[in-house]
């Protein structure tokens, strides 16, 4: 007889997550101008799934997120990244829980060009990992990145993700087929890393 996994209580409604420099919160329509600006920047969109980013596309995304909670299986949620010192939108993080295996999730991240290279993406991803493992009860978190995206690879490996797969020419990129890497991190790996490092940036809701 197969042993059933313990049921976890649903997390409370999402409001925000705070790190030392960021607030991860819901998007609002007030964010639309800044969202379109940084997602339209060629150096930001280069490794993303879009070539151009319109106001209509951004407005549709924000509208779709209004009544959505992070962690709904099969529904992607986008956290807005607000820089505390200026209260400005500087990026976003994507989270989607697997519809068939809700203890697994996939993440992605986008940061406005002027704010790259300051450790903000790492800080935001750490907060979302804490949210996944502590609040959502995730067992495993996955991230996919093009093999040419060296900054993304460095970020994931710095946070302890393992490269699990190398997909050869499976992603259409800049009018050609490109390779993609799959990275993953288990809950126990993250907990061990946090304990070894003396704790990562915590979150407060």
C-alpha atoms as a PDB file:
ATOM      1  CA  UNK A   1       0.000   0.000   0.000  1.00  0.00           C
ATOM      2  CA  UNK A   2       1.428   3.357  -1.018  1.00  0.00           C
ATOM      3  CA  UNK A   3       1.951   5.745   1.865  1.00  0.00           C
ATOM      4  CA  UNK A   4       0.214   9.072   1.363  1.00  0.00           C
ATOM      5  CA  UNK A   5       2.143  12.275   1.854  1.00  0.00           C
ATOM      6  CA  UNK A   6       1.052  14.541   4.716  1.00  0.00           C
ATOM      7  CA  UNK A   7      -1.283  17.363   3.768  1.00  0.00           C
ATOM      8  CA  UNK A   8      -0.016  20.883   4.407  1.00  0.00           C
ATOM      9  CA  UNK A   9      -2.223  23.759   5.425  1.00  0.00           C
ATOM     10  CA  UNK A  10      -2.737  26.429   2.787  1.00  0.00           C
ATOM     11  CA  UNK A  11      -0.474  29.451   3.378  1.00  0.00           C
ATOM     12  CA  UNK A  12      -2.126  32.712   4.438  1.00  0.00           C
ATOM     13  CA  UNK A  13      -3.011  35.188   1.673  1.00  0.00           C
ATOM     14  CA  UNK A  14       0.111  36.731   0.206  1.00  0.00           C
ATOM     15  CA  UNK A  15       0.884  40.334   1.073  1.00  0.00           C
ATOM     16  CA  UNK A  16       4.647  40.876   0.798  1.00  0.00           C
ATOM     17  CA  UNK A  17       8.092  39.527   1.608  1.00  0.00           C
ATOM     18  CA  UNK A  18      10.859  41.792   2.894  1.00  0.00           C
ATOM     19  CA  UNK A  19      14.609  41.354   2.552  1.00  0.00           C
ATOM     20  CA  UNK A  20      17.314  43.781   3.590  1.00  0.00           C
ATOM     21  CA  UNK A  21      16.958  45.865   0.408  1.00  0.00           C
ATOM     22  CA  UNK A  22      13.781  44.677  -1.305  1.00  0.00           C
ATOM     23  CA  UNK A  23      10.056  44.260  -0.885  1.00  0.00           C
ATOM     24  CA  UNK A  24       8.562  41.420  -2.915  1.00  0.00           C
ATOM     25  CA  UNK A  25       4.911  42.319  -3.390  1.00  0.00           C
ATOM     26  CA  UNK A  26       1.972  42.136  -5.740  1.00  0.00           C
ATOM     27  CA  UNK A  27       1.981  44.097  -8.963  1.00  0.00           C
ATOM     28  CA  UNK A  28      -0.376  47.046  -9.374  1.00  0.00           C
ATOM     29  CA  UNK A  29      -1.288  49.036 -12.449  1.00  0.00           C
ATOM     30  CA  UNK A  30       0.925  51.831 -11.110  1.00  0.00           C
ATOM     31  CA  UNK A  31       3.873  49.548 -11.970  1.00  0.00           C
ATOM     32  CA  UNK A  32       2.962  49.326 -15.645  1.00  0.00           C
ATOM     33  CA  UNK A  33       5.205  52.126 -17.028  1.00  0.00           C
ATOM     34  CA  UNK A  34       8.326  50.850 -15.240  1.00  0.00           C
ATOM     35  CA  UNK A  35       7.529  47.227 -16.133  1.00  0.00           C
ATOM     36  CA  UNK A  36       7.281  48.019 -19.840  1.00  0.00           C
ATOM     37  CA  UNK A  37      10.483  50.087 -19.783  1.00  0.00           C
ATOM     38  CA  UNK A  38      12.759  47.450 -18.266  1.00  0.00           C
ATOM     39  CA  UNK A  39      11.203  44.483 -20.054  1.00  0.00           C
ATOM     40  CA  UNK A  40      11.635  46.315 -23.375  1.00  0.00           C
ATOM     41  CA  UNK A  41      15.355  46.812 -22.830  1.00  0.00           C
ATOM     42  CA  UNK A  42      17.175  44.520 -25.328  1.00  0.00           C
ATOM     43  CA  UNK A  43      19.850  43.546 -22.815  1.00  0.00           C
ATOM     44  CA  UNK A  44      17.126  42.486 -20.368  1.00  0.00           C
ATOM     45  CA  UNK A  45      14.886  40.643 -22.847  1.00  0.00           C
ATOM     46  CA  UNK A  46      17.754  38.917 -24.654  1.00  0.00           C
ATOM     47  CA  UNK A  47      17.481  35.650 -22.723  1.00  0.00           C
ATOM     48  CA  UNK A  48      13.746  35.872 -22.003  1.00  0.00           C
ATOM     49  CA  UNK A  49      10.738  34.384 -23.776  1.00  0.00           C
ATOM     50  CA  UNK A  50       9.714  37.715 -25.360  1.00  0.00           C
ATOM     51  CA  UNK A  51      11.373  39.843 -28.017  1.00  0.00           C
ATOM     52  CA  UNK A  52       9.311  42.985 -27.435  1.00  0.00           C
ATOM     53  CA  UNK A  53       7.108  43.958 -24.515  1.00  0.00           C
ATOM     54  CA  UNK A  54       4.042  46.133 -25.032  1.00  0.00           C
ATOM     55  CA  UNK A  55       1.887  48.083 -22.609  1.00  0.00           C
ATOM     56  CA  UNK A  56      -1.063  45.820 -23.476  1.00  0.00           C
ATOM     57  CA  UNK A  57       0.971  42.731 -22.604  1.00  0.00           C
ATOM     58  CA  UNK A  58       2.038  44.199 -19.277  1.00  0.00           C
ATOM     59  CA  UNK A  59      -1.472  45.365 -18.393  1.00  0.00           C
ATOM     60  CA  UNK A  60      -2.847  41.924 -19.158  1.00  0.00           C
ATOM     61  CA  UNK A  61      -0.274  40.254 -16.925  1.00  0.00           C
ATOM     62  CA  UNK A  62      -0.985  42.596 -14.020  1.00  0.00           C
ATOM     63  CA  UNK A  63      -4.747  42.146 -14.396  1.00  0.00           C
ATOM     64  CA  UNK A  64      -4.404  38.345 -14.412  1.00  0.00           C
ATOM     65  CA  UNK A  65      -2.436  38.455 -11.150  1.00  0.00           C
ATOM     66  CA  UNK A  66      -4.877  40.555  -9.120  1.00  0.00           C
ATOM     67  CA  UNK A  67      -6.851  37.704  -7.550  1.00  0.00           C
ATOM     68  CA  UNK A  68      -4.163  35.027  -7.808  1.00  0.00           C
ATOM     69  CA  UNK A  69      -2.208  33.599  -4.881  1.00  0.00           C
ATOM     70  CA  UNK A  70       1.352  32.321  -5.349  1.00  0.00           C
ATOM     71  CA  UNK A  71       1.532  28.536  -5.328  1.00  0.00           C
ATOM     72  CA  UNK A  72      -1.702  27.687  -7.155  1.00  0.00           C
ATOM     73  CA  UNK A  73      -0.720  24.571  -9.167  1.00  0.00           C
ATOM     74  CA  UNK A  74      -0.317  25.344 -12.843  1.00  0.00           C
ATOM     75  CA  UNK A  75      -0.802  29.127 -12.446  1.00  0.00           C
ATOM     76  CA  UNK A  76       2.246  31.317 -12.798  1.00  0.00           C
ATOM     77  CA  UNK A  77       2.659  34.104 -10.226  1.00  0.00           C
ATOM     78  CA  UNK A  78       4.888  37.146 -10.698  1.00  0.00           C
ATOM     79  CA  UNK A  79       6.388  38.866  -7.651  1.00  0.00           C
ATOM     80  CA  UNK A  80       7.160  42.555  -8.153  1.00  0.00           C
ATOM     81  CA  UNK A  81      10.572  43.583  -6.791  1.00  0.00           C
ATOM     82  CA  UNK A  82      10.530  46.995  -5.143  1.00  0.00           C
ATOM     83  CA  UNK A  83      13.747  48.637  -4.007  1.00  0.00           C
ATOM     84  CA  UNK A  84      13.229  49.923  -0.473  1.00  0.00           C
ATOM     85  CA  UNK A  85      15.468  52.974  -0.721  1.00  0.00           C
ATOM     86  CA  UNK A  86      13.532  54.464  -3.640  1.00  0.00           C
ATOM     87  CA  UNK A  87      10.219  52.528  -3.622  1.00  0.00           C
ATOM     88  CA  UNK A  88      10.850  51.870  -7.331  1.00  0.00           C
ATOM     89  CA  UNK A  89      10.077  48.726  -9.325  1.00  0.00           C
ATOM     90  CA  UNK A  90      13.372  47.073 -10.309  1.00  0.00           C
ATOM     91  CA  UNK A  91      12.351  43.621 -11.525  1.00  0.00           C
ATOM     92  CA  UNK A  92      10.173  40.572 -11.016  1.00  0.00           C
ATOM     93  CA  UNK A  93      10.363  36.896 -10.134  1.00  0.00           C
ATOM     94  CA  UNK A  94       8.199  34.167 -11.640  1.00  0.00           C
ATOM     95  CA  UNK A  95       6.946  31.172  -9.661  1.00  0.00           C
ATOM     96  CA  UNK A  96       4.847  28.275 -10.893  1.00  0.00           C
ATOM     97  CA  UNK A  97       3.945  25.151  -8.960  1.00  0.00           C
ATOM     98  CA  UNK A  98       3.752  21.980 -11.034  1.00  0.00           C
ATOM     99  CA  UNK A  99       0.076  21.132 -11.708  1.00  0.00           C
ATOM    100  CA  UNK A 100       0.784  17.389 -11.509  1.00  0.00           C
ATOM    101  CA  UNK A 101       3.293  17.409  -8.635  1.00  0.00           C
ATOM    102  CA  UNK A 102       2.520  20.377  -6.354  1.00  0.00           C
ATOM    103  CA  UNK A 103       5.633  19.839  -4.225  1.00  0.00           C
ATOM    104  CA  UNK A 104       7.765  20.914  -7.169  1.00  0.00           C
ATOM    105  CA  UNK A 105       8.043  24.457  -8.521  1.00  0.00           C
ATOM    106  CA  UNK A 106       9.869  26.378 -11.224  1.00  0.00           C
ATOM    107  CA  UNK A 107      11.234  29.914 -10.877  1.00  0.00           C
ATOM    108  CA  UNK A 108      12.529  32.604 -13.229  1.00  0.00           C
ATOM    109  CA  UNK A 109      13.774  36.162 -12.720  1.00  0.00           C
ATOM    110  CA  UNK A 110      14.113  39.481 -14.523  1.00  0.00           C
ATOM    111  CA  UNK A 111      15.991  42.535 -13.267  1.00  0.00           C
ATOM    112  CA  UNK A 112      16.100  46.029 -14.747  1.00  0.00           C
ATOM    113  CA  UNK A 113      19.462  46.760 -16.328  1.00  0.00           C
ATOM    114  CA  UNK A 114      20.553  49.633 -14.001  1.00  0.00           C
ATOM    115  CA  UNK A 115      20.101  47.360 -10.974  1.00  0.00           C
ATOM    116  CA  UNK A 116      22.003  44.327 -12.244  1.00  0.00           C
ATOM    117  CA  UNK A 117      25.349  43.419 -10.707  1.00  0.00           C
ATOM    118  CA  UNK A 118      24.369  44.537  -7.208  1.00  0.00           C
ATOM    119  CA  UNK A 119      23.282  41.171  -5.780  1.00  0.00           C
ATOM    120  CA  UNK A 120      19.599  42.119  -5.856  1.00  0.00           C
ATOM    121  CA  UNK A 121      18.579  39.152  -8.024  1.00  0.00           C
ATOM    122  CA  UNK A 122      20.286  36.732  -5.629  1.00  0.00           C
ATOM    123  CA  UNK A 123      18.602  38.429  -2.681  1.00  0.00           C
ATOM    124  CA  UNK A 124      15.195  38.142  -4.325  1.00  0.00           C
ATOM    125  CA  UNK A 125      15.657  34.507  -5.366  1.00  0.00           C
ATOM    126  CA  UNK A 126      16.711  33.600  -1.814  1.00  0.00           C
ATOM    127  CA  UNK A 127      13.489  35.127  -0.521  1.00  0.00           C
ATOM    128  CA  UNK A 128      11.371  33.173  -3.005  1.00  0.00           C
ATOM    129  CA  UNK A 129      13.211  29.952  -2.160  1.00  0.00           C
ATOM    130  CA  UNK A 130      12.420  30.540   1.524  1.00  0.00           C
ATOM    131  CA  UNK A 131       8.803  31.139   0.557  1.00  0.00           C
ATOM    132  CA  UNK A 132       8.663  27.940  -1.499  1.00  0.00           C
ATOM    133  CA  UNK A 133      10.236  25.691   1.099  1.00  0.00           C
ATOM    134  CA  UNK A 134       8.783  27.258   4.256  1.00  0.00           C
ATOM    135  CA  UNK A 135       5.354  28.480   3.151  1.00  0.00           C
ATOM    136  CA  UNK A 136       4.402  26.287   0.206  1.00  0.00           C
ATOM    137  CA  UNK A 137       6.037  23.076   1.422  1.00  0.00           C
ATOM    138  CA  UNK A 138       7.986  22.603  -1.793  1.00  0.00           C
ATOM    139  CA  UNK A 139      10.282  19.596  -2.048  1.00  0.00           C
ATOM    140  CA  UNK A 140      12.174  20.740  -5.150  1.00  0.00           C
ATOM    141  CA  UNK A 141      12.609  24.003  -7.052  1.00  0.00           C
ATOM    142  CA  UNK A 142      13.729  24.060 -10.682  1.00  0.00           C
ATOM    143  CA  UNK A 143      15.210  26.822 -12.855  1.00  0.00           C
ATOM    144  CA  UNK A 144      15.887  26.728 -16.602  1.00  0.00           C
ATOM    145  CA  UNK A 145      18.443  28.939 -18.310  1.00  0.00           C
ATOM    146  CA  UNK A 146      20.041  29.187 -21.720  1.00  0.00           C
ATOM    147  CA  UNK A 147      23.570  27.772 -21.721  1.00  0.00           C
ATOM    148  CA  UNK A 148      24.811  31.146 -23.005  1.00  0.00           C
ATOM    149  CA  UNK A 149      23.334  33.101 -20.090  1.00  0.00           C
ATOM    150  CA  UNK A 150      26.463  33.103 -17.941  1.00  0.00           C
ATOM    151  CA  UNK A 151      25.102  35.605 -15.390  1.00  0.00           C
ATOM    152  CA  UNK A 152      22.056  33.440 -14.696  1.00  0.00           C
ATOM    153  CA  UNK A 153      24.179  30.307 -14.417  1.00  0.00           C
ATOM    154  CA  UNK A 154      26.498  32.027 -11.941  1.00  0.00           C
ATOM    155  CA  UNK A 155      23.533  33.191  -9.841  1.00  0.00           C
ATOM    156  CA  UNK A 156      22.001  29.719  -9.623  1.00  0.00           C
ATOM    157  CA  UNK A 157      25.278  28.002  -8.779  1.00  0.00           C
ATOM    158  CA  UNK A 158      26.077  30.664  -6.179  1.00  0.00           C
ATOM    159  CA  UNK A 159      22.790  29.808  -4.436  1.00  0.00           C
ATOM    160  CA  UNK A 160      23.536  26.088  -4.436  1.00  0.00           C
ATOM    161  CA  UNK A 161      21.486  24.868  -7.394  1.00  0.00           C
ATOM    162  CA  UNK A 162      22.754  21.718  -9.116  1.00  0.00           C
ATOM    163  CA  UNK A 163      22.884  21.404 -12.894  1.00  0.00           C
ATOM    164  CA  UNK A 164      20.734  18.350 -13.589  1.00  0.00           C
ATOM    165  CA  UNK A 165      20.338  18.392 -17.347  1.00  0.00           C
ATOM    166  CA  UNK A 166      21.808  19.784 -20.545  1.00  0.00           C
ATOM    167  CA  UNK A 167      19.181  20.023 -23.282  1.00  0.00           C
ATOM    168  CA  UNK A 168      20.830  20.232 -26.681  1.00  0.00           C
ATOM    169  CA  UNK A 169      19.335  22.723 -29.153  1.00  0.00           C
ATOM    170  CA  UNK A 170      15.889  22.655 -27.546  1.00  0.00           C
ATOM    171  CA  UNK A 171      15.280  26.424 -27.361  1.00  0.00           C
ATOM    172  CA  UNK A 172      14.740  28.782 -30.323  1.00  0.00           C
ATOM    173  CA  UNK A 173      16.969  31.772 -29.603  1.00  0.00           C
ATOM    174  CA  UNK A 174      18.084  34.610 -31.873  1.00  0.00           C
ATOM    175  CA  UNK A 175      16.886  32.761 -34.999  1.00  0.00           C
ATOM    176  CA  UNK A 176      18.704  29.553 -34.160  1.00  0.00           C
ATOM    177  CA  UNK A 177      18.448  26.550 -31.871  1.00  0.00           C
ATOM    178  CA  UNK A 178      20.318  26.952 -28.582  1.00  0.00           C
ATOM    179  CA  UNK A 179      21.177  24.717 -25.629  1.00  0.00           C
ATOM    180  CA  UNK A 180      19.457  25.010 -22.268  1.00  0.00           C
ATOM    181  CA  UNK A 181      20.447  23.897 -18.758  1.00  0.00           C
ATOM    182  CA  UNK A 182      18.108  22.685 -16.032  1.00  0.00           C
ATOM    183  CA  UNK A 183      19.083  23.422 -12.444  1.00  0.00           C
ATOM    184  CA  UNK A 184      17.359  22.169  -9.285  1.00  0.00           C
ATOM    185  CA  UNK A 185      17.528  22.553  -5.522  1.00  0.00           C
ATOM    186  CA  UNK A 186      15.996  20.277  -2.880  1.00  0.00           C
ATOM    187  CA  UNK A 187      14.554  21.501   0.378  1.00  0.00           C
ATOM    188  CA  UNK A 188      17.148  19.612   2.463  1.00  0.00           C
ATOM    189  CA  UNK A 189      19.951  21.038   0.332  1.00  0.00           C
ATOM    190  CA  UNK A 190      18.680  24.570   0.925  1.00  0.00           C
ATOM    191  CA  UNK A 191      18.242  23.992   4.658  1.00  0.00           C
ATOM    192  CA  UNK A 192      21.756  22.579   4.929  1.00  0.00           C
ATOM    193  CA  UNK A 193      23.167  25.520   2.987  1.00  0.00           C
ATOM    194  CA  UNK A 194      21.345  28.033   5.182  1.00  0.00           C
ATOM    195  CA  UNK A 195      22.606  26.306   8.327  1.00  0.00           C
ATOM    196  CA  UNK A 196      26.175  26.217   7.012  1.00  0.00           C
ATOM    197  CA  UNK A 197      26.090  29.857   5.936  1.00  0.00           C
ATOM    198  CA  UNK A 198      24.490  30.983   9.186  1.00  0.00           C
ATOM    199  CA  UNK A 199      21.143  31.637   7.500  1.00  0.00           C
ATOM    200  CA  UNK A 200      20.238  33.362   4.266  1.00  0.00           C
ATOM    201  CA  UNK A 201      18.269  36.606   3.982  1.00  0.00           C
ATOM    202  CA  UNK A 202      15.093  35.846   5.851  1.00  0.00           C
ATOM    203  CA  UNK A 203      11.625  36.913   4.827  1.00  0.00           C
ATOM    204  CA  UNK A 204       9.006  38.735   6.839  1.00  0.00           C
ATOM    205  CA  UNK A 205       5.373  38.795   5.864  1.00  0.00           C
END
